[in-house]
Amino acid sequence: QVQLVESGGGLVQPGGSLRLSCAASGFIFSTYIMAWYRQAPGKQRELVASISSAGNTNYADSVKGRMTISRDNTKKTVFLQMTNLAPEDTAVYYCNAKLHSEHSGSWGQGTQVTVSS
């Protein structure tokens, strides 16, 4: 059974940084595509960044240069390093795991990120 547990969210001032973590269990982590999505109030969930089993990364245009996704296969954890945060980054951030890109995959419970002064 796939389990994904996000952590690291919180309240941060504009320009600040946060590092999100997603601890995975119940599947062969190294073979899965891992991704971070976010959903702001009143908006659809959107892809923030993804990383393939080979380590190839993909980012939404809105976060390029500010956020970095990485994975540690030995710890079965995926990270999202977020820098220069802005109020528009405020959202619930969700971890996603999928074996194939066309799958919807499995979701964590989400972690709230609030960027406000």
PDB file of N, CA and C in Angstrom:
ATOM      1  N   GLN A   1       0.855  -1.192   0.000  1.00  0.00           N
ATOM      2  CA  GLN A   1       0.000   0.000   0.000  1.00  0.00           C
ATOM      3  C   GLN A   1       0.889   1.241   0.000  1.00  0.00           C
ATOM      4  N   VAL A   2       0.673   2.089  -0.996  1.00  0.00           N
ATOM      5  CA  VAL A   2       1.466   3.302  -1.110  1.00  0.00           C
ATOM      6  C   VAL A   2       1.107   4.269   0.010  1.00  0.00           C
ATOM      7  N   GLN A   3       2.129   4.757   0.690  1.00  0.00           N
ATOM      8  CA  GLN A   3       1.936   5.804   1.694  1.00  0.00           C
ATOM      9  C   GLN A   3       2.918   6.932   1.420  1.00  0.00           C
ATOM     10  N   LEU A   4       2.416   8.154   1.439  1.00  0.00           N
ATOM     11  CA  LEU A   4       3.231   9.342   1.226  1.00  0.00           C
ATOM     12  C   LEU A   4       2.917  10.318   2.350  1.00  0.00           C
ATOM     13  N   VAL A   5       3.945  10.760   3.055  1.00  0.00           N
ATOM     14  CA  VAL A   5       3.751  11.664   4.181  1.00  0.00           C
ATOM     15  C   VAL A   5       4.596  12.912   3.969  1.00  0.00           C
ATOM     16  N   GLU A   6       3.915  14.039   3.747  1.00  0.00           N
ATOM     17  CA  GLU A   6       4.601  15.304   3.526  1.00  0.00           C
ATOM     18  C   GLU A   6       4.883  16.006   4.847  1.00  0.00           C
ATOM     19  N   SER A   7       5.933  16.792   4.852  1.00  0.00           N
ATOM     20  CA  SER A   7       6.258  17.620   6.012  1.00  0.00           C
ATOM     21  C   SER A   7       7.068  18.818   5.543  1.00  0.00           C
ATOM     22  N   GLY A   8       7.206  19.795   6.429  1.00  0.00           N
ATOM     23  CA  GLY A   8       8.051  20.946   6.135  1.00  0.00           C
ATOM     24  C   GLY A   8       7.319  22.220   5.781  1.00  0.00           C
ATOM     25  N   GLY A   9       6.007  22.147   5.669  1.00  0.00           N
ATOM     26  CA  GLY A   9       5.259  23.354   5.363  1.00  0.00           C
ATOM     27  C   GLY A   9       5.208  24.295   6.553  1.00  0.00           C
ATOM     28  N   GLY A  10       4.679  25.483   6.309  1.00  0.00           N
ATOM     29  CA  GLY A  10       4.568  26.457   7.388  1.00  0.00           C
ATOM     30  C   GLY A  10       4.354  27.848   6.864  1.00  0.00           C
ATOM     31  N   LEU A  11       4.501  28.800   7.762  1.00  0.00           N
ATOM     32  CA  LEU A  11       4.352  30.213   7.429  1.00  0.00           C
ATOM     33  C   LEU A  11       5.735  30.821   7.212  1.00  0.00           C
ATOM     34  N   VAL A  12       5.890  31.510   6.110  1.00  0.00           N
ATOM     35  CA  VAL A  12       7.175  32.128   5.791  1.00  0.00           C
ATOM     36  C   VAL A  12       6.926  33.498   5.184  1.00  0.00           C
ATOM     37  N   GLN A  13       7.848  34.405   5.403  1.00  0.00           N
ATOM     38  CA  GLN A  13       7.714  35.747   4.843  1.00  0.00           C
ATOM     39  C   GLN A  13       8.111  35.739   3.358  1.00  0.00           C
ATOM     40  N   PRO A  14       7.592  36.691   2.601  1.00  0.00           N
ATOM     41  CA  PRO A  14       8.014  36.805   1.192  1.00  0.00           C
ATOM     42  C   PRO A  14       9.527  36.900   1.091  1.00  0.00           C
ATOM     43  N   GLY A  15      10.079  36.172   0.117  1.00  0.00           N
ATOM     44  CA  GLY A  15      11.529  36.109  -0.038  1.00  0.00           C
ATOM     45  C   GLY A  15      12.187  35.002   0.746  1.00  0.00           C
ATOM     46  N   GLY A  16      11.419  34.354   1.596  1.00  0.00           N
ATOM     47  CA  GLY A  16      11.968  33.296   2.436  1.00  0.00           C
ATOM     48  C   GLY A  16      12.054  31.958   1.727  1.00  0.00           C
ATOM     49  N   SER A  17      12.504  30.967   2.479  1.00  0.00           N
ATOM     50  CA  SER A  17      12.714  29.621   1.932  1.00  0.00           C
ATOM     51  C   SER A  17      12.074  28.569   2.824  1.00  0.00           C
ATOM     52  N   LEU A  18      11.723  27.475   2.197  1.00  0.00           N
ATOM     53  CA  LEU A  18      11.234  26.300   2.907  1.00  0.00           C
ATOM     54  C   LEU A  18      11.715  25.068   2.163  1.00  0.00           C
ATOM     55  N   ARG A  19      11.831  23.965   2.894  1.00  0.00           N
ATOM     56  CA  ARG A  19      12.162  22.683   2.282  1.00  0.00           C
ATOM     57  C   ARG A  19      11.094  21.674   2.656  1.00  0.00           C
ATOM     58  N   LEU A  20      10.382  21.209   1.657  1.00  0.00           N
ATOM     59  CA  LEU A  20       9.368  20.194   1.878  1.00  0.00           C
ATOM     60  C   LEU A  20       9.982  18.809   1.707  1.00  0.00           C
ATOM     61  N   SER A  21       9.477  17.868   2.493  1.00  0.00           N
ATOM     62  CA  SER A  21       9.895  16.475   2.382  1.00  0.00           C
ATOM     63  C   SER A  21       8.675  15.585   2.213  1.00  0.00           C
ATOM     64  N   CYS A  22       8.860  14.494   1.518  1.00  0.00           N
ATOM     65  CA  CYS A  22       7.794  13.506   1.352  1.00  0.00           C
ATOM     66  C   CYS A  22       8.417  12.131   1.566  1.00  0.00           C
ATOM     67  N   ALA A  23       8.052  11.502   2.668  1.00  0.00           N
ATOM     68  CA  ALA A  23       8.555  10.169   2.990  1.00  0.00           C
ATOM     69  C   ALA A  23       7.617   9.125   2.408  1.00  0.00           C
ATOM     70  N   ALA A  24       8.178   8.193   1.666  1.00  0.00           N
ATOM     71  CA  ALA A  24       7.377   7.209   0.948  1.00  0.00           C
ATOM     72  C   ALA A  24       7.580   5.811   1.505  1.00  0.00           C
ATOM     73  N   SER A  25       6.555   5.001   1.389  1.00  0.00           N
ATOM     74  CA  SER A  25       6.643   3.599   1.782  1.00  0.00           C
ATOM     75  C   SER A  25       5.596   2.802   1.022  1.00  0.00           C
ATOM     76  N   GLY A  26       5.804   1.480   0.991  1.00  0.00           N
ATOM     77  CA  GLY A  26       4.808   0.605   0.394  1.00  0.00           C
ATOM     78  C   GLY A  26       4.987   0.330  -1.077  1.00  0.00           C
ATOM     79  N   PHE A  27       6.066   0.834  -1.666  1.00  0.00           N
ATOM     80  CA  PHE A  27       6.326   0.577  -3.081  1.00  0.00           C
ATOM     81  C   PHE A  27       7.821   0.728  -3.346  1.00  0.00           C
ATOM     82  N   ILE A  28       8.224   0.312  -4.549  1.00  0.00           N
ATOM     83  CA  ILE A  28       9.647   0.389  -4.904  1.00  0.00           C
ATOM     84  C   ILE A  28       9.937   1.823  -5.327  1.00  0.00           C
ATOM     85  N   PHE A  29      10.343   2.626  -4.364  1.00  0.00           N
ATOM     86  CA  PHE A  29      10.470   4.073  -4.545  1.00  0.00           C
ATOM     87  C   PHE A  29      11.330   4.437  -5.752  1.00  0.00           C
ATOM     88  N   SER A  30      12.447   3.759  -5.913  1.00  0.00           N
ATOM     89  CA  SER A  30      13.408   4.156  -6.941  1.00  0.00           C
ATOM     90  C   SER A  30      12.865   4.024  -8.361  1.00  0.00           C
ATOM     91  N   THR A  31      11.803   3.279  -8.537  1.00  0.00           N
ATOM     92  CA  THR A  31      11.260   3.056  -9.879  1.00  0.00           C
ATOM     93  C   THR A  31      10.127   4.012 -10.239  1.00  0.00           C
ATOM     94  N   TYR A  32       9.721   4.826  -9.282  1.00  0.00           N
ATOM     95  CA  TYR A  32       8.556   5.689  -9.471  1.00  0.00           C
ATOM     96  C   TYR A  32       8.933   7.109  -9.863  1.00  0.00           C
ATOM     97  N   ILE A  33       8.072   7.727 -10.651  1.00  0.00           N
ATOM     98  CA  ILE A  33       8.118   9.162 -10.884  1.00  0.00           C
ATOM     99  C   ILE A  33       7.537   9.827  -9.642  1.00  0.00           C
ATOM    100  N   MET A  34       8.265  10.770  -9.092  1.00  0.00           N
ATOM    101  CA  MET A  34       7.790  11.516  -7.917  1.00  0.00           C
ATOM    102  C   MET A  34       7.557  12.971  -8.319  1.00  0.00           C
ATOM    103  N   ALA A  35       6.545  13.555  -7.726  1.00  0.00           N
ATOM    104  CA  ALA A  35       6.201  14.919  -8.110  1.00  0.00           C
ATOM    105  C   ALA A  35       5.611  15.685  -6.934  1.00  0.00           C
ATOM    106  N   TRP A  36       5.691  16.983  -7.038  1.00  0.00           N
ATOM    107  CA  TRP A  36       5.004  17.896  -6.123  1.00  0.00           C
ATOM    108  C   TRP A  36       3.962  18.666  -6.920  1.00  0.00           C
ATOM    109  N   TYR A  37       2.768  18.714  -6.372  1.00  0.00           N
ATOM    110  CA  TYR A  37       1.679  19.519  -6.894  1.00  0.00           C
ATOM    111  C   TYR A  37       1.289  20.518  -5.807  1.00  0.00           C
ATOM    112  N   ARG A  38       0.529  21.514  -6.217  1.00  0.00           N
ATOM    113  CA  ARG A  38      -0.014  22.446  -5.233  1.00  0.00           C
ATOM    114  C   ARG A  38      -1.409  22.880  -5.637  1.00  0.00           C
ATOM    115  N   GLN A  39      -2.180  23.237  -4.632  1.00  0.00           N
ATOM    116  CA  GLN A  39      -3.534  23.719  -4.868  1.00  0.00           C
ATOM    117  C   GLN A  39      -3.800  24.916  -3.971  1.00  0.00           C
ATOM    118  N   ALA A  40      -4.013  26.039  -4.613  1.00  0.00           N
ATOM    119  CA  ALA A  40      -4.347  27.260  -3.887  1.00  0.00           C
ATOM    120  C   ALA A  40      -5.863  27.349  -3.744  1.00  0.00           C
ATOM    121  N   PRO A  41      -6.350  28.106  -2.775  1.00  0.00           N
ATOM    122  CA  PRO A  41      -7.803  28.231  -2.582  1.00  0.00           C
ATOM    123  C   PRO A  41      -8.489  28.703  -3.850  1.00  0.00           C
ATOM    124  N   GLY A  42      -9.525  27.982  -4.253  1.00  0.00           N
ATOM    125  CA  GLY A  42     -10.295  28.373  -5.417  1.00  0.00           C
ATOM    126  C   GLY A  42      -9.653  28.042  -6.746  1.00  0.00           C
ATOM    127  N   LYS A  43      -8.520  27.368  -6.715  1.00  0.00           N
ATOM    128  CA  LYS A  43      -7.815  27.040  -7.956  1.00  0.00           C
ATOM    129  C   LYS A  43      -7.652  25.538  -8.115  1.00  0.00           C
ATOM    130  N   GLN A  44      -7.368  25.119  -9.330  1.00  0.00           N
ATOM    131  CA  GLN A  44      -7.130  23.705  -9.585  1.00  0.00           C
ATOM    132  C   GLN A  44      -5.743  23.310  -9.107  1.00  0.00           C
ATOM    133  N   ARG A  45      -5.619  22.027  -8.806  1.00  0.00           N
ATOM    134  CA  ARG A  45      -4.310  21.507  -8.443  1.00  0.00           C
ATOM    135  C   ARG A  45      -3.400  21.579  -9.667  1.00  0.00           C
ATOM    136  N   GLU A  46      -2.157  22.014  -9.455  1.00  0.00           N
ATOM    137  CA  GLU A  46      -1.225  22.156 -10.563  1.00  0.00           C
ATOM    138  C   GLU A  46       0.112  21.506 -10.238  1.00  0.00           C
ATOM    139  N   LEU A  47       0.772  21.043 -11.289  1.00  0.00           N
ATOM    140  CA  LEU A  47       2.093  20.444 -11.133  1.00  0.00           C
ATOM    141  C   LEU A  47       3.110  21.530 -10.816  1.00  0.00           C
ATOM    142  N   VAL A  48       3.921  21.289  -9.813  1.00  0.00           N
ATOM    143  CA  VAL A  48       5.012  22.203  -9.470  1.00  0.00           C
ATOM    144  C   VAL A  48       6.317  21.689 -10.066  1.00  0.00           C
ATOM    145  N   ALA A  49       6.620  20.418  -9.784  1.00  0.00           N
ATOM    146  CA  ALA A  49       7.867  19.824 -10.256  1.00  0.00           C
ATOM    147  C   ALA A  49       7.757  18.316 -10.198  1.00  0.00           C
ATOM    148  N   SER A  50       8.497  17.652 -11.072  1.00  0.00           N
ATOM    149  CA  SER A  50       8.541  16.204 -11.053  1.00  0.00           C
ATOM    150  C   SER A  50       9.968  15.726 -11.274  1.00  0.00           C
ATOM    151  N   ILE A  51      10.231  14.500 -10.833  1.00  0.00           N
ATOM    152  CA  ILE A  51      11.551  13.905 -11.025  1.00  0.00           C
ATOM    153  C   ILE A  51      11.357  12.433 -11.366  1.00  0.00           C
ATOM    154  N   SER A  52      11.976  12.022 -12.441  1.00  0.00           N
ATOM    155  CA  SER A  52      11.810  10.649 -12.900  1.00  0.00           C
ATOM    156  C   SER A  52      12.696   9.698 -12.099  1.00  0.00           C
ATOM    157  N   SER A  53      12.534   8.423 -12.352  1.00  0.00           N
ATOM    158  CA  SER A  53      13.370   7.437 -11.685  1.00  0.00           C
ATOM    159  C   SER A  53      14.839   7.610 -12.061  1.00  0.00           C
ATOM    160  N   ALA A  54      15.079   8.188 -13.225  1.00  0.00           N
ATOM    161  CA  ALA A  54      16.451   8.431 -13.684  1.00  0.00           C
ATOM    162  C   ALA A  54      17.001   9.766 -13.198  1.00  0.00           C
ATOM    163  N   GLY A  55      16.157  10.538 -12.527  1.00  0.00           N
ATOM    164  CA  GLY A  55      16.603  11.824 -11.996  1.00  0.00           C
ATOM    165  C   GLY A  55      16.347  13.012 -12.902  1.00  0.00           C
ATOM    166  N   ASN A  56      15.620  12.782 -13.987  1.00  0.00           N
ATOM    167  CA  ASN A  56      15.274  13.903 -14.864  1.00  0.00           C
ATOM    168  C   ASN A  56      14.183  14.746 -14.213  1.00  0.00           C
ATOM    169  N   THR A  57      14.336  16.050 -14.287  1.00  0.00           N
ATOM    170  CA  THR A  57      13.409  16.956 -13.601  1.00  0.00           C
ATOM    171  C   THR A  57      12.616  17.801 -14.580  1.00  0.00           C
ATOM    172  N   ASN A  58      11.459  18.236 -14.106  1.00  0.00           N
ATOM    173  CA  ASN A  58      10.578  19.092 -14.894  1.00  0.00           C
ATOM    174  C   ASN A  58       9.931  20.069 -13.943  1.00  0.00           C
ATOM    175  N   TYR A  59       9.817  21.338 -14.350  1.00  0.00           N
ATOM    176  CA  TYR A  59       9.276  22.371 -13.468  1.00  0.00           C
ATOM    177  C   TYR A  59       8.208  23.191 -14.170  1.00  0.00           C
ATOM    178  N   ALA A  60       7.243  23.647 -13.394  1.00  0.00           N
ATOM    179  CA  ALA A  60       6.319  24.646 -13.892  1.00  0.00           C
ATOM    180  C   ALA A  60       7.091  25.931 -14.145  1.00  0.00           C
ATOM    181  N   ASP A  61       6.688  26.656 -15.181  1.00  0.00           N
ATOM    182  CA  ASP A  61       7.387  27.899 -15.509  1.00  0.00           C
ATOM    183  C   ASP A  61       7.414  28.869 -14.336  1.00  0.00           C
ATOM    184  N   SER A  62       6.361  28.872 -13.548  1.00  0.00           N
ATOM    185  CA  SER A  62       6.229  29.836 -12.453  1.00  0.00           C
ATOM    186  C   SER A  62       7.230  29.600 -11.323  1.00  0.00           C
ATOM    187  N   VAL A  63       7.848  28.412 -11.283  1.00  0.00           N
ATOM    188  CA  VAL A  63       8.764  28.110 -10.185  1.00  0.00           C
ATOM    189  C   VAL A  63      10.197  27.884 -10.652  1.00  0.00           C
ATOM    190  N   LYS A  64      10.421  27.890 -11.955  1.00  0.00           N
ATOM    191  CA  LYS A  64      11.775  27.656 -12.475  1.00  0.00           C
ATOM    192  C   LYS A  64      12.753  28.675 -11.897  1.00  0.00           C
ATOM    193  N   GLY A  65      13.883  28.174 -11.445  1.00  0.00           N
ATOM    194  CA  GLY A  65      14.896  29.041 -10.860  1.00  0.00           C
ATOM    195  C   GLY A  65      14.683  29.330  -9.389  1.00  0.00           C
ATOM    196  N   ARG A  66      13.513  28.965  -8.857  1.00  0.00           N
ATOM    197  CA  ARG A  66      13.225  29.218  -7.433  1.00  0.00           C
ATOM    198  C   ARG A  66      13.040  27.940  -6.635  1.00  0.00           C
ATOM    199  N   MET A  67      12.636  26.887  -7.308  1.00  0.00           N
ATOM    200  CA  MET A  67      12.374  25.636  -6.602  1.00  0.00           C
ATOM    201  C   MET A  67      13.184  24.510  -7.234  1.00  0.00           C
ATOM    202  N   THR A  68      13.613  23.581  -6.398  1.00  0.00           N
ATOM    203  CA  THR A  68      14.409  22.445  -6.845  1.00  0.00           C
ATOM    204  C   THR A  68      13.855  21.164  -6.249  1.00  0.00           C
ATOM    205  N   ILE A  69      13.550  20.212  -7.115  1.00  0.00           N
ATOM    206  CA  ILE A  69      13.094  18.908  -6.654  1.00  0.00           C
ATOM    207  C   ILE A  69      14.276  17.949  -6.663  1.00  0.00           C
ATOM    208  N   SER A  70      14.325  17.105  -5.656  1.00  0.00           N
ATOM    209  CA  SER A  70      15.386  16.098  -5.587  1.00  0.00           C
ATOM    210  C   SER A  70      14.833  14.868  -4.884  1.00  0.00           C
ATOM    211  N   ARG A  71      15.568  13.784  -5.000  1.00  0.00           N
ATOM    212  CA  ARG A  71      15.122  12.548  -4.368  1.00  0.00           C
ATOM    213  C   ARG A  71      16.315  11.820  -3.766  1.00  0.00           C
ATOM    214  N   ASP A  72      16.046  11.105  -2.694  1.00  0.00           N
ATOM    215  CA  ASP A  72      17.039  10.255  -2.044  1.00  0.00           C
ATOM    216  C   ASP A  72      16.451   8.854  -2.017  1.00  0.00           C
ATOM    217  N   ASN A  73      16.895   8.020  -2.925  1.00  0.00           N
ATOM    218  CA  ASN A  73      16.306   6.684  -3.036  1.00  0.00           C
ATOM    219  C   ASN A  73      16.638   5.805  -1.833  1.00  0.00           C
ATOM    220  N   THR A  74      17.756   6.067  -1.175  1.00  0.00           N
ATOM    221  CA  THR A  74      18.089   5.254  -0.005  1.00  0.00           C
ATOM    222  C   THR A  74      17.165   5.575   1.169  1.00  0.00           C
ATOM    223  N   LYS A  75      16.719   6.825   1.228  1.00  0.00           N
ATOM    224  CA  LYS A  75      15.809   7.241   2.302  1.00  0.00           C
ATOM    225  C   LYS A  75      14.356   7.225   1.853  1.00  0.00           C
ATOM    226  N   LYS A  76      14.119   6.894   0.586  1.00  0.00           N
ATOM    227  CA  LYS A  76      12.761   6.866   0.036  1.00  0.00           C
ATOM    228  C   LYS A  76      12.055   8.190   0.302  1.00  0.00           C
ATOM    229  N   THR A  77      12.721   9.258  -0.018  1.00  0.00           N
ATOM    230  CA  THR A  77      12.192  10.585   0.264  1.00  0.00           C
ATOM    231  C   THR A  77      12.421  11.488  -0.942  1.00  0.00           C
ATOM    232  N   VAL A  78      11.431  12.318  -1.228  1.00  0.00           N
ATOM    233  CA  VAL A  78      11.562  13.346  -2.252  1.00  0.00           C
ATOM    234  C   VAL A  78      11.448  14.702  -1.571  1.00  0.00           C
ATOM    235  N   PHE A  79      12.227  15.651  -2.064  1.00  0.00           N
ATOM    236  CA  PHE A  79      12.297  16.968  -1.449  1.00  0.00           C
ATOM    237  C   PHE A  79      11.890  18.044  -2.453  1.00  0.00           C
ATOM    238  N   LEU A  80      11.430  19.156  -1.909  1.00  0.00           N
ATOM    239  CA  LEU A  80      11.218  20.341  -2.724  1.00  0.00           C
ATOM    240  C   LEU A  80      11.824  21.507  -1.972  1.00  0.00           C
ATOM    241  N   GLN A  81      12.945  21.994  -2.469  1.00  0.00           N
ATOM    242  CA  GLN A  81      13.580  23.178  -1.900  1.00  0.00           C
ATOM    243  C   GLN A  81      12.978  24.396  -2.569  1.00  0.00           C
ATOM    244  N   MET A  82      12.399  25.275  -1.758  1.00  0.00           N
ATOM    245  CA  MET A  82      11.714  26.452  -2.276  1.00  0.00           C
ATOM    246  C   MET A  82      12.424  27.698  -1.767  1.00  0.00           C
ATOM    247  N   THR A  83      12.796  28.579  -2.673  1.00  0.00           N
ATOM    248  CA  THR A  83      13.461  29.818  -2.314  1.00  0.00           C
ATOM    249  C   THR A  83      12.728  31.002  -2.916  1.00  0.00           C
ATOM    250  N   ASN A  84      13.045  32.183  -2.413  1.00  0.00           N
ATOM    251  CA  ASN A  84      12.439  33.420  -2.916  1.00  0.00           C
ATOM    252  C   ASN A  84      10.919  33.273  -3.042  1.00  0.00           C
ATOM    253  N   LEU A  85      10.317  32.795  -1.980  1.00  0.00           N
ATOM    254  CA  LEU A  85       8.887  32.529  -2.006  1.00  0.00           C
ATOM    255  C   LEU A  85       8.090  33.822  -2.083  1.00  0.00           C
ATOM    256  N   ALA A  86       6.954  33.731  -2.757  1.00  0.00           N
ATOM    257  CA  ALA A  86       6.069  34.871  -2.946  1.00  0.00           C
ATOM    258  C   ALA A  86       4.668  34.502  -2.468  1.00  0.00           C
ATOM    259  N   PRO A  87       3.832  35.496  -2.188  1.00  0.00           N
ATOM    260  CA  PRO A  87       2.470  35.190  -1.729  1.00  0.00           C
ATOM    261  C   PRO A  87       1.712  34.252  -2.666  1.00  0.00           C
ATOM    262  N   GLU A  88       1.979  34.339  -3.948  1.00  0.00           N
ATOM    263  CA  GLU A  88       1.276  33.466  -4.898  1.00  0.00           C
ATOM    264  C   GLU A  88       1.722  32.011  -4.815  1.00  0.00           C
ATOM    265  N   ASP A  89       2.734  31.725  -4.030  1.00  0.00           N
ATOM    266  CA  ASP A  89       3.133  30.340  -3.783  1.00  0.00           C
ATOM    267  C   ASP A  89       2.315  29.708  -2.653  1.00  0.00           C
ATOM    268  N   THR A  90       1.504  30.506  -2.003  1.00  0.00           N
ATOM    269  CA  THR A  90       0.665  29.996  -0.930  1.00  0.00           C
ATOM    270  C   THR A  90      -0.300  28.944  -1.467  1.00  0.00           C
ATOM    271  N   ALA A  91      -0.256  27.765  -0.873  1.00  0.00           N
ATOM    272  CA  ALA A  91      -1.074  26.641  -1.342  1.00  0.00           C
ATOM    273  C   ALA A  91      -0.850  25.447  -0.426  1.00  0.00           C
ATOM    274  N   VAL A  92      -1.684  24.440  -0.615  1.00  0.00           N
ATOM    275  CA  VAL A  92      -1.390  23.134  -0.036  1.00  0.00           C
ATOM    276  C   VAL A  92      -0.539  22.378  -1.052  1.00  0.00           C
ATOM    277  N   TYR A  93       0.584  21.882  -0.600  1.00  0.00           N
ATOM    278  CA  TYR A  93       1.506  21.161  -1.472  1.00  0.00           C
ATOM    279  C   TYR A  93       1.349  19.658  -1.243  1.00  0.00           C
ATOM    280  N   TYR A  94       1.177  18.939  -2.340  1.00  0.00           N
ATOM    281  CA  TYR A  94       0.930  17.505  -2.295  1.00  0.00           C
ATOM    282  C   TYR A  94       2.057  16.740  -2.977  1.00  0.00           C
ATOM    283  N   CYS A  95       2.406  15.636  -2.394  1.00  0.00           N
ATOM    284  CA  CYS A  95       3.355  14.712  -2.983  1.00  0.00           C
ATOM    285  C   CYS A  95       2.588  13.671  -3.802  1.00  0.00           C
ATOM    286  N   ASN A  96       3.153  13.297  -4.938  1.00  0.00           N
ATOM    287  CA  ASN A  96       2.515  12.326  -5.821  1.00  0.00           C
ATOM    288  C   ASN A  96       3.530  11.290  -6.273  1.00  0.00           C
ATOM    289  N   ALA A  97       3.092  10.050  -6.350  1.00  0.00           N
ATOM    290  CA  ALA A  97       3.953   8.967  -6.817  1.00  0.00           C
ATOM    291  C   ALA A  97       3.229   8.182  -7.895  1.00  0.00           C
ATOM    292  N   LYS A  98       3.914   7.960  -9.008  1.00  0.00           N
ATOM    293  CA  LYS A  98       3.319   7.175 -10.080  1.00  0.00           C
ATOM    294  C   LYS A  98       4.390   6.357 -10.777  1.00  0.00           C
ATOM    295  N   LEU A  99       3.960   5.180 -11.239  1.00  0.00           N
ATOM    296  CA  LEU A  99       4.900   4.302 -11.926  1.00  0.00           C
ATOM    297  C   LEU A  99       5.062   4.702 -13.390  1.00  0.00           C
ATOM    298  N   HIS A 100       3.988   5.193 -13.980  1.00  0.00           N
ATOM    299  CA  HIS A 100       4.017   5.629 -15.369  1.00  0.00           C
ATOM    300  C   HIS A 100       3.400   7.020 -15.459  1.00  0.00           C
ATOM    301  N   SER A 101       3.875   7.823 -16.380  1.00  0.00           N
ATOM    302  CA  SER A 101       3.447   9.212 -16.473  1.00  0.00           C
ATOM    303  C   SER A 101       1.959   9.349 -16.768  1.00  0.00           C
ATOM    304  N   GLU A 102       1.372   8.347 -17.428  1.00  0.00           N
ATOM    305  CA  GLU A 102      -0.044   8.468 -17.775  1.00  0.00           C
ATOM    306  C   GLU A 102      -0.960   8.102 -16.625  1.00  0.00           C
ATOM    307  N   HIS A 103      -0.389   7.594 -15.524  1.00  0.00           N
ATOM    308  CA  HIS A 103      -1.198   7.252 -14.364  1.00  0.00           C
ATOM    309  C   HIS A 103      -1.484   8.483 -13.516  1.00  0.00           C
ATOM    310  N   SER A 104      -2.554   8.424 -12.768  1.00  0.00           N
ATOM    311  CA  SER A 104      -2.860   9.515 -11.841  1.00  0.00           C
ATOM    312  C   SER A 104      -1.989   9.410 -10.599  1.00  0.00           C
ATOM    313  N   GLY A 105      -1.643   8.213 -10.213  1.00  0.00           N
ATOM    314  CA  GLY A 105      -0.740   8.009  -9.094  1.00  0.00           C
ATOM    315  C   GLY A 105      -1.423   8.098  -7.745  1.00  0.00           C
ATOM    316  N   SER A 106      -0.591   8.095  -6.715  1.00  0.00           N
ATOM    317  CA  SER A 106      -1.070   8.163  -5.333  1.00  0.00           C
ATOM    318  C   SER A 106      -0.658   9.485  -4.720  1.00  0.00           C
ATOM    319  N   TRP A 107      -1.456   9.917  -3.725  1.00  0.00           N
ATOM    320  CA  TRP A 107      -1.273  11.246  -3.146  1.00  0.00           C
ATOM    321  C   TRP A 107      -1.029  11.173  -1.645  1.00  0.00           C
ATOM    322  N   GLY A 108      -0.262  12.135  -1.194  1.00  0.00           N
ATOM    323  CA  GLY A 108      -0.141  12.351   0.241  1.00  0.00           C
ATOM    324  C   GLY A 108      -1.270  13.224   0.733  1.00  0.00           C
ATOM    325  N   GLN A 109      -1.232  13.532   2.029  1.00  0.00           N
ATOM    326  CA  GLN A 109      -2.311  14.312   2.631  1.00  0.00           C
ATOM    327  C   GLN A 109      -2.130  15.813   2.435  1.00  0.00           C
ATOM    328  N   GLY A 110      -0.944  16.225   2.028  1.00  0.00           N
ATOM    329  CA  GLY A 110      -0.680  17.638   1.766  1.00  0.00           C
ATOM    330  C   GLY A 110      -0.069  18.351   2.957  1.00  0.00           C
ATOM    331  N   THR A 111       0.655  19.408   2.659  1.00  0.00           N
ATOM    332  CA  THR A 111       1.218  20.267   3.694  1.00  0.00           C
ATOM    333  C   THR A 111       1.008  21.720   3.281  1.00  0.00           C
ATOM    334  N   GLN A 112       0.559  22.523   4.222  1.00  0.00           N
ATOM    335  CA  GLN A 112       0.211  23.915   3.921  1.00  0.00           C
ATOM    336  C   GLN A 112       1.463  24.786   3.890  1.00  0.00           C
ATOM    337  N   VAL A 113       1.586  25.575   2.847  1.00  0.00           N
ATOM    338  CA  VAL A 113       2.630  26.596   2.750  1.00  0.00           C
ATOM    339  C   VAL A 113       1.938  27.943   2.626  1.00  0.00           C
ATOM    340  N   THR A 114       2.247  28.831   3.545  1.00  0.00           N
ATOM    341  CA  THR A 114       1.666  30.168   3.528  1.00  0.00           C
ATOM    342  C   THR A 114       2.790  31.188   3.475  1.00  0.00           C
ATOM    343  N   VAL A 115       2.731  32.036   2.465  1.00  0.00           N
ATOM    344  CA  VAL A 115       3.741  33.088   2.301  1.00  0.00           C
ATOM    345  C   VAL A 115       3.060  34.428   2.569  1.00  0.00           C
ATOM    346  N   SER A 116       3.427  35.021   3.666  1.00  0.00           N
ATOM    347  CA  SER A 116       2.762  36.259   4.071  1.00  0.00           C
ATOM    348  C   SER A 116       3.659  37.031   5.023  1.00  0.00           C
ATOM    349  N   SER A 117       3.539  38.348   4.937  1.00  0.00           N
ATOM    350  CA  SER A 117       4.271  39.200   5.875  1.00  0.00           C
ATOM    351  C   SER A 117       3.396  39.528   7.086  1.00  0.00           C
TER     352      SER A 117
END
